[in-house]
Amino acid sequence: RAGVTNIPDALRIVPGMQVARSDANSWAISIRGFNSSLANKLLVLIDGRTIYNPVFGGVLWEAHNLMLDDIDRIEVVRGPGGALWGANAVNGVINIITKHTRDTQGNLISAVYGNEEKGTLNTRQGGEFGNNGFYRIYATGFKQDASRKPPAAGSDKQPDTYDEWDGFRTGFRVDWVNQFTLQGDAYRTDTEQLRPHFSLIAPYGPIKQQIIRYEGINLLGRWINQRSDGSEFSIQSYIDWAKRDEPFNFIDDRITYDLDVQYNFAPITAHEIIIGAAYRYL
């Protein structure tokens, strides 16, 4: 209902969040101050899959332009949460949870167009299979205009700042008997940026135009066993390939493997105990 078109703009309305937009396609987001484009003490999860970049320990928000129609809720924890949530949860946690497939049945098509939003198209199809099985597939594409510079003295023209961006994302999710989930996504985003082109020859670091490309594929599986005594045992694992190609400076190309096991039980009425272990390999 807020009319936002991306995750960072949605986070602006959360008390205690600091959200600043560096240009048309990059943001600085943090909790409890110390905000910058390289803020690295905030854990961000999408359905339990961390999306931080290990090069600086933060999040490249421009690479994760999700389809907002599929998001159920965004949970924000302000303050340290490393004991329960894991590494990087120093200042807080943002947990993005997508809708269960039983809540996204049928077909959906939505579109946005404006003078800055140059075009966004979302499509989704959901259905059932077998006994108590649900699925959905989706695809979304967008293109956003560059921001503008102030006009020069004596001129009314506002030149753009070379930060236009566009992208495409597609994926699926399958849920069966409220116990097993399998989901995956593939995406590609191209962003225009002004970056230094370092050289051993003067002027050594001239600012040049370049297109930074983000690509990725991920696959996640989760099994939950809820027992009659109220306890819960869960296993989650995912594989995530992500690549960031910055032509003038470096290429970040990596695969992440992650396994997480958790057991939740209440031996006495007043206390709940969570025991877990996790392994991640980059």
Protein backbone atom coordinates (compact mmCIF):
# COMPACT_ATOMS: atom_id res chain seq x y z
CA ARG A 1 0.00 0.00 0.00
CA ALA A 2 3.00 2.33 0.41
CA GLY A 3 3.58 2.34 -3.36
CA VAL A 4 7.24 1.37 -3.06
CA THR A 5 8.88 -0.49 -5.96
CA ASN A 6 11.97 -1.98 -4.29
CA ILE A 7 13.19 -3.34 -0.95
CA PRO A 8 15.32 -0.30 0.11
CA ASP A 9 12.36 2.06 -0.29
CA ALA A 10 10.20 -0.30 1.78
CA LEU A 11 12.81 -0.21 4.57
CA ARG A 12 12.56 3.60 4.77
CA ILE A 13 9.30 3.33 6.71
CA VAL A 14 10.80 1.09 9.42
CA PRO A 15 11.71 2.97 12.63
CA GLY A 16 15.41 2.75 13.42
CA MET A 17 16.52 2.05 9.83
CA GLN A 18 18.91 4.43 8.06
CA VAL A 19 18.36 4.32 4.29
CA ALA A 20 20.25 6.64 1.94
CA ARG A 21 20.29 6.46 -1.84
CA SER A 22 23.73 7.02 -3.34
CA ASP A 23 22.45 7.24 -6.92
CA ALA A 24 19.72 5.69 -9.07
CA ASN A 25 20.95 2.11 -8.53
CA SER A 26 22.80 1.92 -5.21
CA TRP A 27 21.89 2.42 -1.55
CA ALA A 28 23.49 2.73 1.86
CA ILE A 29 21.43 0.90 4.48
CA SER A 30 22.23 0.31 8.13
CA ILE A 31 20.85 0.13 11.68
CA ARG A 32 22.13 2.02 14.73
CA GLY A 33 24.14 4.53 12.68
CA PHE A 34 27.55 4.22 10.98
CA ASN A 35 25.85 4.12 7.60
CA SER A 36 27.78 4.05 4.32
CA SER A 37 27.69 2.31 0.97
CA LEU A 38 30.09 -0.26 2.47
CA ALA A 39 28.11 -0.84 5.70
CA ASN A 40 29.03 -4.40 6.67
CA LYS A 41 27.45 -5.20 10.04
CA LEU A 42 23.89 -5.97 8.97
CA LEU A 43 22.71 -9.50 8.17
CA VAL A 44 20.17 -9.71 5.33
CA LEU A 45 18.34 -12.96 4.55
CA ILE A 46 15.88 -14.02 1.85
CA ASP A 47 13.93 -17.06 3.09
CA GLY A 48 16.89 -18.03 5.27
CA ARG A 49 19.54 -17.53 2.57
CA THR A 50 22.10 -14.85 3.37
CA ILE A 51 22.84 -12.41 0.52
CA TYR A 52 25.88 -10.62 1.90
CA ASN A 53 28.92 -10.13 -0.30
CA PRO A 54 32.10 -11.48 1.37
CA VAL A 55 34.32 -8.92 -0.38
CA PHE A 56 33.19 -6.30 2.17
CA GLY A 57 30.65 -8.24 4.25
CA GLY A 58 27.71 -6.10 3.13
CA VAL A 59 24.82 -6.32 0.68
CA LEU A 60 24.77 -5.24 -2.95
CA TRP A 61 21.13 -4.15 -2.95
CA GLU A 62 21.06 -3.48 -6.69
CA ALA A 63 21.55 -7.21 -7.35
CA HIS A 64 18.42 -8.23 -5.41
CA ASN A 65 15.48 -6.41 -6.95
CA LEU A 66 12.76 -8.84 -5.87
CA MET A 67 9.20 -9.14 -7.11
CA LEU A 68 7.34 -7.36 -4.30
CA ASP A 69 4.07 -9.18 -5.04
CA ASP A 70 5.67 -12.40 -3.72
CA ILE A 71 6.87 -10.96 -0.39
CA ASP A 72 4.82 -11.93 2.66
CA ARG A 73 6.65 -9.77 5.22
CA ILE A 74 10.00 -8.22 6.10
CA GLU A 75 11.15 -8.80 9.67
CA VAL A 76 13.62 -6.28 11.11
CA VAL A 77 15.62 -7.01 14.26
CA ARG A 78 17.40 -3.94 15.61
CA GLY A 79 20.39 -4.85 17.70
CA PRO A 80 22.89 -7.73 17.91
CA GLY A 81 21.46 -11.12 16.97
CA GLY A 82 24.49 -13.27 16.24
CA ALA A 83 23.66 -15.97 18.80
CA LEU A 84 20.43 -16.89 17.01
CA TRP A 85 20.96 -15.63 13.46
CA GLY A 86 24.67 -16.21 12.84
CA ALA A 87 27.57 -14.24 11.40
CA ASN A 88 27.25 -10.56 10.45
CA ALA A 89 24.25 -9.85 12.71
CA VAL A 90 26.15 -7.20 14.67
CA ASN A 91 23.82 -4.21 14.29
CA GLY A 92 20.69 -6.08 13.28
CA VAL A 93 18.93 -8.50 10.96
CA ILE A 94 16.64 -8.03 7.96
CA ASN A 95 14.73 -11.23 7.17
CA ILE A 96 12.75 -11.11 3.90
CA ILE A 97 10.13 -13.87 3.82
CA THR A 98 8.24 -14.74 0.64
CA LYS A 99 4.67 -16.04 0.53
CA HIS A 100 3.79 -19.70 0.83
CA THR A 101 2.78 -21.09 -2.55
CA ARG A 102 -0.75 -21.90 -1.34
CA ASP A 103 -1.24 -18.11 -1.04
CA THR A 104 -0.15 -17.37 -4.62
CA GLN A 105 -2.50 -19.55 -6.64
CA GLY A 106 -3.72 -18.51 -10.07
CA ASN A 107 -2.21 -16.00 -12.48
CA LEU A 108 -0.87 -12.50 -11.84
CA ILE A 109 0.34 -9.79 -14.20
CA SER A 110 1.30 -6.32 -12.96
CA ALA A 111 3.08 -3.42 -14.62
CA VAL A 112 4.54 -0.04 -13.67
CA TYR A 113 5.44 2.80 -16.02
CA GLY A 114 6.44 6.40 -15.37
CA ASN A 115 8.96 9.11 -16.15
CA GLU A 116 11.55 7.52 -13.81
CA GLU A 117 10.25 3.95 -13.72
CA LYS A 118 10.71 3.37 -17.43
CA GLY A 119 8.98 0.01 -17.27
CA THR A 120 8.43 -2.89 -14.87
CA LEU A 121 6.55 -6.08 -15.76
CA ASN A 122 5.78 -8.85 -13.25
CA THR A 123 4.21 -12.21 -14.14
CA ARG A 124 3.39 -15.17 -11.90
CA GLN A 125 1.55 -18.47 -12.20
CA GLY A 126 0.63 -20.69 -9.26
CA GLY A 127 -1.01 -24.08 -9.05
CA GLU A 128 -1.37 -27.39 -7.21
CA PHE A 129 0.03 -30.87 -7.72
CA GLY A 130 -0.51 -34.23 -6.05
CA ASN A 131 -1.82 -34.27 -2.50
CA ASN A 132 -1.13 -31.03 -0.58
CA GLY A 133 1.47 -29.81 -3.08
CA PHE A 134 1.65 -26.22 -4.34
CA TYR A 135 3.98 -24.39 -6.72
CA ARG A 136 4.59 -21.04 -8.36
CA ILE A 137 6.83 -19.72 -11.12
CA TYR A 138 7.51 -16.07 -11.77
CA ALA A 139 9.43 -13.66 -13.98
CA THR A 140 10.04 -9.95 -13.56
CA GLY A 141 11.90 -7.36 -15.62
CA PHE A 142 12.51 -3.66 -15.10
CA LYS A 143 14.27 -0.59 -16.44
CA GLN A 144 14.81 2.64 -14.48
CA ASP A 145 15.97 6.01 -15.71
CA ALA A 146 19.16 7.76 -14.67
CA SER A 147 19.10 10.52 -12.07
CA ARG A 148 19.81 14.12 -13.08
CA LYS A 149 22.52 16.65 -12.32
CA PRO A 150 21.72 20.26 -11.42
CA PRO A 151 21.71 22.47 -14.52
CA ALA A 152 24.86 24.42 -15.31
CA ALA A 153 24.89 28.17 -14.79
CA GLY A 154 22.85 29.85 -17.51
CA SER A 155 21.32 26.58 -18.73
CA ASP A 156 17.98 24.85 -18.17
CA LYS A 157 19.18 21.39 -19.20
CA GLN A 158 19.71 18.72 -16.56
CA PRO A 159 22.21 16.15 -17.86
CA ASP A 160 21.89 12.59 -16.53
CA THR A 161 24.50 11.16 -14.15
CA TYR A 162 25.04 7.87 -15.99
CA ASP A 163 23.35 5.59 -13.45
CA GLU A 164 20.52 4.03 -15.44
CA TRP A 165 19.89 0.36 -14.70
CA ASP A 166 17.81 -2.60 -15.80
CA GLY A 167 17.43 -6.24 -14.88
CA PHE A 168 15.58 -9.51 -15.17
CA ARG A 169 14.75 -12.12 -12.55
CA THR A 170 12.94 -15.47 -12.70
CA GLY A 171 12.42 -18.36 -10.33
CA PHE A 172 10.17 -20.97 -8.77
CA ARG A 173 9.03 -22.34 -5.43
CA VAL A 174 7.46 -25.68 -4.49
CA ASP A 175 5.88 -26.50 -1.09
CA TRP A 176 4.59 -29.92 -0.06
CA VAL A 177 2.57 -30.83 3.05
CA ASN A 178 3.93 -27.81 4.99
CA GLN A 179 7.15 -29.77 5.49
CA PHE A 180 9.30 -29.53 2.39
CA THR A 181 10.25 -26.45 0.37
CA LEU A 182 12.35 -26.24 -2.77
CA GLN A 183 12.96 -22.88 -4.42
CA GLY A 184 15.39 -21.23 -6.78
CA ASP A 185 16.09 -17.97 -8.60
CA ALA A 186 18.16 -16.70 -11.51
CA TYR A 187 18.85 -13.03 -12.15
CA ARG A 188 20.90 -10.53 -14.11
CA THR A 189 21.22 -6.80 -13.50
CA ASP A 190 23.15 -4.18 -15.51
CA THR A 191 23.97 -0.88 -13.80
CA GLU A 192 25.66 2.20 -15.24
CA GLN A 193 28.31 3.64 -12.94
CA LEU A 194 31.12 6.18 -12.97
CA ARG A 195 34.22 4.43 -11.64
CA PRO A 196 37.98 5.19 -11.55
CA HIS A 197 40.04 3.36 -14.17
CA PHE A 198 43.31 2.82 -12.33
CA SER A 199 46.51 2.99 -14.37
CA LEU A 200 50.26 3.40 -13.91
CA ILE A 201 50.16 6.26 -16.38
CA ALA A 202 48.95 9.76 -15.50
CA PRO A 203 46.29 10.74 -14.59
CA TYR A 204 46.38 7.31 -12.82
CA GLY A 205 42.69 7.13 -11.84
CA PRO A 206 40.46 8.92 -14.36
CA ILE A 207 36.72 8.53 -13.85
CA LYS A 208 35.15 6.64 -16.74
CA GLN A 209 31.78 5.23 -17.64
CA GLN A 210 31.27 1.50 -17.24
CA ILE A 211 28.46 -1.02 -16.99
CA ILE A 212 28.63 -3.31 -13.95
CA ARG A 213 26.87 -6.63 -14.43
CA TYR A 214 25.43 -8.77 -11.62
CA GLU A 215 24.46 -12.37 -12.30
CA GLY A 216 23.39 -15.19 -10.03
CA ILE A 217 21.63 -18.52 -9.61
CA ASN A 218 20.56 -20.09 -6.31
CA LEU A 219 18.77 -23.23 -5.19
CA LEU A 220 17.46 -23.79 -1.64
CA GLY A 221 15.83 -26.78 0.04
CA ARG A 222 14.24 -26.87 3.51
CA TRP A 223 12.63 -29.72 5.49
CA ILE A 224 10.70 -29.06 8.71
CA ASN A 225 9.39 -31.75 11.07
CA GLN A 226 6.86 -30.43 13.59
CA ARG A 227 6.23 -33.01 16.31
CA SER A 228 3.18 -33.58 18.47
CA ASP A 229 4.97 -32.37 21.62
CA GLY A 230 5.49 -28.93 20.05
CA SER A 231 9.16 -29.40 19.19
CA GLU A 232 10.47 -28.71 15.71
CA PHE A 233 13.44 -30.08 13.78
CA SER A 234 14.57 -28.40 10.55
CA ILE A 235 17.30 -28.85 7.95
CA GLN A 236 18.07 -26.23 5.34
CA SER A 237 20.70 -26.20 2.63
CA TYR A 238 21.41 -24.00 -0.38
CA ILE A 239 23.90 -23.40 -3.14
CA ASP A 240 24.36 -19.87 -4.45
CA TRP A 241 26.41 -18.72 -7.45
CA ALA A 242 26.93 -14.97 -7.73
CA LYS A 243 29.10 -12.89 -10.05
CA ARG A 244 29.85 -9.18 -10.16
CA ASP A 245 31.77 -8.01 -13.20
CA GLU A 246 33.29 -4.54 -12.84
CA PRO A 247 35.28 -4.30 -16.10
CA PHE A 248 37.91 -1.74 -15.09
CA ASN A 249 38.74 -3.06 -11.61
CA PHE A 250 37.84 -6.66 -10.67
CA ILE A 251 35.52 -9.63 -11.11
CA ASP A 252 33.89 -11.26 -8.07
CA ASP A 253 32.88 -14.80 -9.05
CA ARG A 254 32.03 -17.26 -6.25
CA ILE A 255 29.87 -20.21 -5.20
CA THR A 256 28.52 -20.53 -1.65
CA TYR A 257 27.47 -23.84 -0.07
CA ASP A 258 25.49 -23.68 3.17
CA LEU A 259 23.97 -26.25 5.55
CA ASP A 260 21.94 -25.34 8.64
CA VAL A 261 20.36 -27.67 11.22
CA GLN A 262 18.12 -26.52 14.09
CA TYR A 263 16.16 -28.16 16.89
CA ASN A 264 13.57 -26.16 18.83
CA PHE A 265 11.90 -27.54 21.95
CA ALA A 266 10.39 -26.45 25.27
CA PRO A 267 11.33 -28.82 28.12
CA ILE A 268 9.35 -26.67 30.56
CA THR A 269 6.50 -24.31 29.86
CA ALA A 270 8.32 -21.07 30.65
CA HIS A 271 11.43 -21.65 28.53
CA GLU A 272 12.16 -22.45 24.92
CA ILE A 273 15.52 -23.85 23.81
CA ILE A 274 17.00 -23.69 20.33
CA ILE A 275 19.99 -25.84 19.43
CA GLY A 276 21.61 -25.53 16.04
CA ALA A 277 24.71 -25.89 13.91
CA ALA A 278 25.69 -24.47 10.55
CA TYR A 279 28.45 -24.89 7.97
CA ARG A 280 29.22 -22.52 5.11
CA TYR A 281 31.85 -22.82 2.44
CA LEU A 282 32.74 -20.02 -0.01
